[in-house]
C-alpha atoms as a PDB file:
ATOM      1  CA  MET A   1     -28.578  54.085  99.426  1.00  0.00           C
ATOM      2  CA  ALA A   2     -26.525  50.969  98.881  1.00  0.00           C
ATOM      3  CA  THR A   3     -26.157  47.252  99.341  1.00  0.00           C
ATOM      4  CA  LYS A   4     -22.810  45.449  99.231  1.00  0.00           C
ATOM      5  CA  THR A   5     -22.820  45.346  95.427  1.00  0.00           C
ATOM      6  CA  CYS A   6     -25.193  48.089  94.227  1.00  0.00           C
ATOM      7  CA  ALA A   7     -25.909  51.720  95.047  1.00  0.00           C
ATOM      8  CA  LEU A   8     -28.237  54.492  93.927  1.00  0.00           C
ATOM      9  CA  GLY A   9     -26.989  58.033  93.563  1.00  0.00           C
ATOM     10  CA  PRO A  10     -28.171  61.273  91.989  1.00  0.00           C
ATOM     11  CA  TYR A  11     -28.991  61.549  88.303  1.00  0.00           C
ATOM     12  CA  ARG A  12     -26.018  63.429  86.862  1.00  0.00           C
ATOM     13  CA  ALA A  13     -25.793  65.863  83.955  1.00  0.00           C
ATOM     14  CA  ASP A  14     -22.074  65.023  83.548  1.00  0.00           C
ATOM     15  CA  LEU A  15     -23.076  61.442  82.599  1.00  0.00           C
ATOM     16  CA  ILE A  16     -25.345  62.465  79.696  1.00  0.00           C
ATOM     17  CA  GLU A  17     -23.090  60.882  77.061  1.00  0.00           C
ATOM     18  CA  THR A  18     -22.915  57.650  79.079  1.00  0.00           C
ATOM     19  CA  TYR A  19     -26.697  57.504  79.518  1.00  0.00           C
ATOM     20  CA  TRP A  20     -27.144  58.278  75.817  1.00  0.00           C
ATOM     21  CA  ALA A  21     -24.714  55.502  74.779  1.00  0.00           C
ATOM     22  CA  TRP A  22     -26.640  52.943  76.862  1.00  0.00           C
ATOM     23  CA  GLU A  23     -29.920  54.093  75.290  1.00  0.00           C
ATOM     24  CA  GLN A  24     -28.607  53.397  71.779  1.00  0.00           C
ATOM     25  CA  ASP A  25     -28.006  49.697  72.534  1.00  0.00           C
ATOM     26  CA  PRO A  26     -30.420  47.702  70.312  1.00  0.00           C
ATOM     27  CA  SER A  27     -31.362  45.406  73.215  1.00  0.00           C
ATOM     28  CA  LEU A  28     -32.609  48.451  75.144  1.00  0.00           C
ATOM     29  CA  LEU A  29     -34.482  49.766  72.122  1.00  0.00           C
ATOM     30  CA  ILE A  30     -36.200  46.373  71.840  1.00  0.00           C
ATOM     31  CA  GLY A  31     -36.911  46.133  75.580  1.00  0.00           C
ATOM     32  CA  TYR A  32     -38.501  49.570  75.680  1.00  0.00           C
ATOM     33  CA  GLY A  33     -40.460  48.931  72.496  1.00  0.00           C
ATOM     34  CA  ARG A  34     -38.904  52.056  70.962  1.00  0.00           C
ATOM     35  CA  GLN A  35     -37.741  51.658  67.389  1.00  0.00           C
ATOM     36  CA  ALA A  36     -35.615  54.742  66.743  1.00  0.00           C
ATOM     37  CA  PRO A  37     -32.302  55.844  68.240  1.00  0.00           C
ATOM     38  CA  GLU A  38     -32.017  59.399  69.540  1.00  0.00           C
ATOM     39  CA  SER A  39     -29.368  61.985  68.708  1.00  0.00           C
ATOM     40  CA  LEU A  40     -27.031  63.152  71.453  1.00  0.00           C
ATOM     41  CA  GLU A  41     -28.316  66.691  70.875  1.00  0.00           C
ATOM     42  CA  ALA A  42     -31.937  65.645  71.444  1.00  0.00           C
ATOM     43  CA  ARG A  43     -30.916  63.603  74.498  1.00  0.00           C
ATOM     44  CA  THR A  44     -29.008  66.566  75.950  1.00  0.00           C
ATOM     45  CA  GLU A  45     -32.060  68.787  75.478  1.00  0.00           C
ATOM     46  CA  GLY A  46     -34.209  66.119  77.139  1.00  0.00           C
ATOM     47  CA  MET A  47     -31.779  65.880  80.054  1.00  0.00           C
ATOM     48  CA  ALA A  48     -32.211  69.580  80.837  1.00  0.00           C
ATOM     49  CA  HIS A  49     -35.991  69.040  81.039  1.00  0.00           C
ATOM     50  CA  GLN A  50     -35.574  65.885  83.165  1.00  0.00           C
ATOM     51  CA  LEU A  51     -33.342  67.638  85.695  1.00  0.00           C
ATOM     52  CA  ARG A  52     -36.065  70.286  86.228  1.00  0.00           C
ATOM     53  CA  GLY A  53     -38.970  67.841  86.424  1.00  0.00           C
ATOM     54  CA  SER A  54     -40.672  66.157  89.359  1.00  0.00           C
ATOM     55  CA  ASN A  55     -39.649  62.619  88.403  1.00  0.00           C
ATOM     56  CA  MET A  56     -37.194  60.844  90.693  1.00  0.00           C
ATOM     57  CA  ARG A  57     -34.161  59.616  88.771  1.00  0.00           C
ATOM     58  CA  PHE A  58     -31.192  57.716  90.151  1.00  0.00           C
ATOM     59  CA  THR A  59     -27.884  56.589  88.721  1.00  0.00           C
ATOM     60  CA  VAL A  60     -27.240  52.906  89.452  1.00  0.00           C
ATOM     61  CA  TYR A  61     -23.697  52.044  90.554  1.00  0.00           C
ATOM     62  CA  ASP A  62     -21.958  48.671  90.531  1.00  0.00           C
ATOM     63  CA  LEU A  63     -19.890  48.385  93.727  1.00  0.00           C
ATOM     64  CA  GLY A  64     -18.506  44.935  92.896  1.00  0.00           C
ATOM     65  CA  ASP A  65     -14.958  46.019  91.981  1.00  0.00           C
ATOM     66  CA  GLY A  66     -14.478  48.539  94.768  1.00  0.00           C
ATOM     67  CA  GLU A  67     -14.746  51.817  92.841  1.00  0.00           C
ATOM     68  CA  PRO A  68     -18.406  52.739  92.147  1.00  0.00           C
ATOM     69  CA  MET A  69     -19.070  52.383  88.414  1.00  0.00           C
ATOM     70  CA  PRO A  70     -22.215  53.872  86.831  1.00  0.00           C
ATOM     71  CA  VAL A  71     -24.129  51.066  85.102  1.00  0.00           C
ATOM     72  CA  GLY A  72     -27.709  52.282  84.733  1.00  0.00           C
ATOM     73  CA  VAL A  73     -30.604  54.496  85.704  1.00  0.00           C
ATOM     74  CA  THR A  74     -33.844  53.948  87.606  1.00  0.00           C
ATOM     75  CA  THR A  75     -36.771  56.348  87.421  1.00  0.00           C
ATOM     76  CA  LEU A  76     -39.980  56.861  89.351  1.00  0.00           C
ATOM     77  CA  LEU A  77     -42.660  58.823  87.475  1.00  0.00           C
ATOM     78  CA  PRO A  78     -45.012  59.860  90.290  1.00  0.00           C
ATOM     79  CA  ASP A  79     -48.721  60.569  90.225  1.00  0.00           C
ATOM     80  CA  GLU A  80     -48.961  62.729  93.353  1.00  0.00           C
ATOM     81  CA  ALA A  81     -52.769  62.758  93.369  1.00  0.00           C
ATOM     82  CA  VAL A  82     -52.929  59.027  94.133  1.00  0.00           C
ATOM     83  CA  ARG A  83     -49.439  58.474  95.699  1.00  0.00           C
ATOM     84  CA  THR A  84     -48.303  55.984  93.038  1.00  0.00           C
ATOM     85  CA  ALA A  85     -45.507  55.965  90.464  1.00  0.00           C
ATOM     86  CA  GLU A  86     -44.463  54.193  87.307  1.00  0.00           C
ATOM     87  CA  PHE A  87     -41.034  52.531  87.516  1.00  0.00           C
ATOM     88  CA  VAL A  88     -38.514  52.418  84.667  1.00  0.00           C
ATOM     89  CA  ILE A  89     -35.015  50.930  84.699  1.00  0.00           C
ATOM     90  CA  MET A  90     -32.214  51.003  82.167  1.00  0.00           C
ATOM     91  CA  LEU A  91     -29.047  48.938  82.637  1.00  0.00           C
ATOM     92  CA  SER A  92     -25.957  48.895  80.480  1.00  0.00           C
ATOM     93  CA  LYS A  93     -25.298  45.657  78.629  1.00  0.00           C
ATOM     94  CA  GLU A  94     -22.315  44.951  80.908  1.00  0.00           C
ATOM     95  CA  ALA A  95     -24.448  45.171  84.051  1.00  0.00           C
ATOM     96  CA  ARG A  96     -27.127  42.680  83.021  1.00  0.00           C
ATOM     97  CA  GLY A  97     -27.352  39.110  84.266  1.00  0.00           C
ATOM     98  CA  ARG A  98     -25.531  39.735  87.570  1.00  0.00           C
ATOM     99  CA  GLY A  99     -28.427  40.626  89.879  1.00  0.00           C
ATOM    100  CA  LEU A 100     -27.785  44.377  89.748  1.00  0.00           C
ATOM    101  CA  GLY A 101     -31.179  45.039  88.149  1.00  0.00           C
ATOM    102  CA  THR A 102     -32.951  43.270  91.003  1.00  0.00           C
ATOM    103  CA  GLU A 103     -30.915  45.151  93.620  1.00  0.00           C
ATOM    104  CA  ALA A 104     -31.379  48.539  91.916  1.00  0.00           C
ATOM    105  CA  THR A 105     -35.121  47.890  91.606  1.00  0.00           C
ATOM    106  CA  ARG A 106     -35.360  46.882  95.259  1.00  0.00           C
ATOM    107  CA  LEU A 107     -33.411  49.973  96.387  1.00  0.00           C
ATOM    108  CA  THR A 108     -35.691  52.195  94.285  1.00  0.00           C
ATOM    109  CA  LEU A 109     -38.794  50.586  95.800  1.00  0.00           C
ATOM    110  CA  ASP A 110     -37.300  51.048  99.285  1.00  0.00           C
ATOM    111  CA  TYR A 111     -36.859  54.762  98.531  1.00  0.00           C
ATOM    112  CA  ALA A 112     -40.347  55.022  97.010  1.00  0.00           C
ATOM    113  CA  PHE A 113     -42.072  53.450  99.984  1.00  0.00           C
ATOM    114  CA  HIS A 114     -39.959  54.704 102.904  1.00  0.00           C
ATOM    115  CA  VAL A 115     -38.789  58.163 101.783  1.00  0.00           C
ATOM    116  CA  THR A 116     -41.438  59.470  99.388  1.00  0.00           C
ATOM    117  CA  ASN A 117     -44.306  57.512 101.000  1.00  0.00           C
ATOM    118  CA  LEU A 118     -45.728  56.139  97.777  1.00  0.00           C
ATOM    119  CA  ARG A 119     -48.297  53.403  98.301  1.00  0.00           C
ATOM    120  CA  MET A 120     -47.868  51.586  94.986  1.00  0.00           C
ATOM    121  CA  VAL A 121     -45.316  51.428  92.175  1.00  0.00           C
ATOM    122  CA  TRP A 122     -46.119  49.859  88.813  1.00  0.00           C
ATOM    123  CA  LEU A 123     -44.348  49.038  85.562  1.00  0.00           C
ATOM    124  CA  LYS A 124     -44.918  47.677  82.083  1.00  0.00           C
ATOM    125  CA  VAL A 125     -42.602  45.072  80.556  1.00  0.00           C
ATOM    126  CA  LEU A 126     -42.813  43.300  77.205  1.00  0.00           C
ATOM    127  CA  ALA A 127     -43.902  39.677  77.786  1.00  0.00           C
ATOM    128  CA  PRO A 128     -40.919  38.069  75.963  1.00  0.00           C
ATOM    129  CA  ASN A 129     -38.530  39.858  78.381  1.00  0.00           C
ATOM    130  CA  THR A 130     -38.584  36.904  80.789  1.00  0.00           C
ATOM    131  CA  GLY A 131     -35.275  37.863  82.427  1.00  0.00           C
ATOM    132  CA  GLY A 132     -36.652  41.292  83.277  1.00  0.00           C
ATOM    133  CA  ILE A 133     -39.905  39.829  84.603  1.00  0.00           C
ATOM    134  CA  LYS A 134     -37.992  37.438  86.901  1.00  0.00           C
ATOM    135  CA  ALA A 135     -35.803  40.289  88.187  1.00  0.00           C
ATOM    136  CA  TYR A 136     -38.873  42.422  88.911  1.00  0.00           C
ATOM    137  CA  GLU A 137     -40.524  39.537  90.761  1.00  0.00           C
ATOM    138  CA  ARG A 138     -37.378  38.961  92.866  1.00  0.00           C
ATOM    139  CA  ALA A 139     -37.403  42.682  93.760  1.00  0.00           C
ATOM    140  CA  GLY A 140     -41.011  42.576  94.980  1.00  0.00           C
ATOM    141  CA  PHE A 141     -43.234  43.198  91.955  1.00  0.00           C
ATOM    142  CA  GLN A 142     -46.218  40.963  91.154  1.00  0.00           C
ATOM    143  CA  ARG A 143     -48.066  40.476  87.885  1.00  0.00           C
ATOM    144  CA  ALA A 144     -51.196  42.615  87.835  1.00  0.00           C
ATOM    145  CA  GLY A 145     -52.443  42.147  84.268  1.00  0.00           C
ATOM    146  CA  VAL A 146     -51.684  42.080  80.567  1.00  0.00           C
ATOM    147  CA  LEU A 147     -52.170  44.563  77.763  1.00  0.00           C
ATOM    148  CA  ARG A 148     -52.752  42.260  74.826  1.00  0.00           C
ATOM    149  CA  GLU A 149     -50.730  42.927  71.660  1.00  0.00           C
ATOM    150  CA  ALA A 150     -49.538  46.259  73.084  1.00  0.00           C
ATOM    151  CA  GLY A 151     -45.897  45.991  72.015  1.00  0.00           C
ATOM    152  CA  TYR A 152     -43.332  44.624  69.610  1.00  0.00           C
ATOM    153  CA  TRP A 153     -40.426  42.286  70.300  1.00  0.00           C
ATOM    154  CA  LEU A 154     -37.982  41.528  67.484  1.00  0.00           C
ATOM    155  CA  GLY A 155     -40.513  42.611  64.889  1.00  0.00           C
ATOM    156  CA  GLU A 156     -43.350  40.507  66.283  1.00  0.00           C
ATOM    157  CA  VAL A 157     -46.440  41.760  68.085  1.00  0.00           C
ATOM    158  CA  CYS A 158     -46.392  40.833  71.774  1.00  0.00           C
ATOM    159  CA  ASP A 159     -48.238  41.434  75.000  1.00  0.00           C
ATOM    160  CA  GLU A 160     -47.154  43.899  77.658  1.00  0.00           C
ATOM    161  CA  VAL A 161     -47.214  42.669  81.256  1.00  0.00           C
ATOM    162  CA  ILE A 162     -48.288  45.111  83.978  1.00  0.00           C
ATOM    163  CA  MET A 163     -46.669  44.547  87.361  1.00  0.00           C
ATOM    164  CA  ASP A 164     -47.080  46.338  90.659  1.00  0.00           C
ATOM    165  CA  ALA A 165     -45.576  46.489  94.135  1.00  0.00           C
ATOM    166  CA  LEU A 166     -47.452  47.713  97.193  1.00  0.00           C
ATOM    167  CA  ALA A 167     -45.835  49.456 100.145  1.00  0.00           C
ATOM    168  CA  ARG A 168     -47.749  47.263 102.613  1.00  0.00           C
ATOM    169  CA  GLU A 169     -46.335  44.107 100.957  1.00  0.00           C
ATOM    170  CA  PHE A 170     -42.733  45.306 100.628  1.00  0.00           C
ATOM    171  CA  SER A 171     -40.644  42.914 102.697  1.00  0.00           C
ATOM    172  CA  GLY A 172     -37.047  42.075 103.270  1.00  0.00           C
ATOM    173  CA  PRO A 173     -34.198  44.336 104.271  1.00  0.00           C
ATOM    174  CA  SER A 174     -34.750  48.080 104.031  1.00  0.00           C
ATOM    175  CA  THR A 175     -31.691  50.270 103.546  1.00  0.00           C
ATOM    176  CA  VAL A 176     -33.750  53.308 104.548  1.00  0.00           C
ATOM    177  CA  LYS A 177     -35.091  51.763 107.761  1.00  0.00           C
ATOM    178  CA  ALA A 178     -31.595  50.523 108.656  1.00  0.00           C
ATOM    179  CA  LEU A 179     -30.464  54.159 108.770  1.00  0.00           C
ATOM    180  CA  PHE A 180     -32.852  54.592 111.706  1.00  0.00           C
ATOM    181  CA  GLY A 181     -32.008  51.366 113.500  1.00  0.00           C
ATOM    182  CA  HIS A 182     -35.026  49.378 112.239  1.00  0.00           C
END
């Protein structure tokens, strides 16, 4: 699945060191609310589990310079019983601020709603992450609520915003539907 500037592809074991390097970036640690870096050994062990699991993981590619360049990961953590999933995205520092997060999020929602037939996708984002919130809103998410004082941002307690996107409200171009002439 791709737009002119962004594509989603399979989650790849050969990119484990790249994924791990992105995850050690302090701005990602802050954005996820996680305080501790992870060893490459632990990440490699985790990757083996992830590749066997039921979660849907995609590598995000920047197509801007011609040759596809891996720049991030999106993940859907499904709850099959209710046809919903939690959404998580991780972008390398170099990929941020250029609209790739919005495009990757939109492509992942397109897949969630039109391939896996999920009815709702949700996420949590720390309230001070205003850039992330705006990108999620541009991709089709809406604010659904707040978990008060549920996270930390730069050492300060902060709220966590809950956002959701519904299949019936997903609008705009669909890469999946375009494959079938819709």
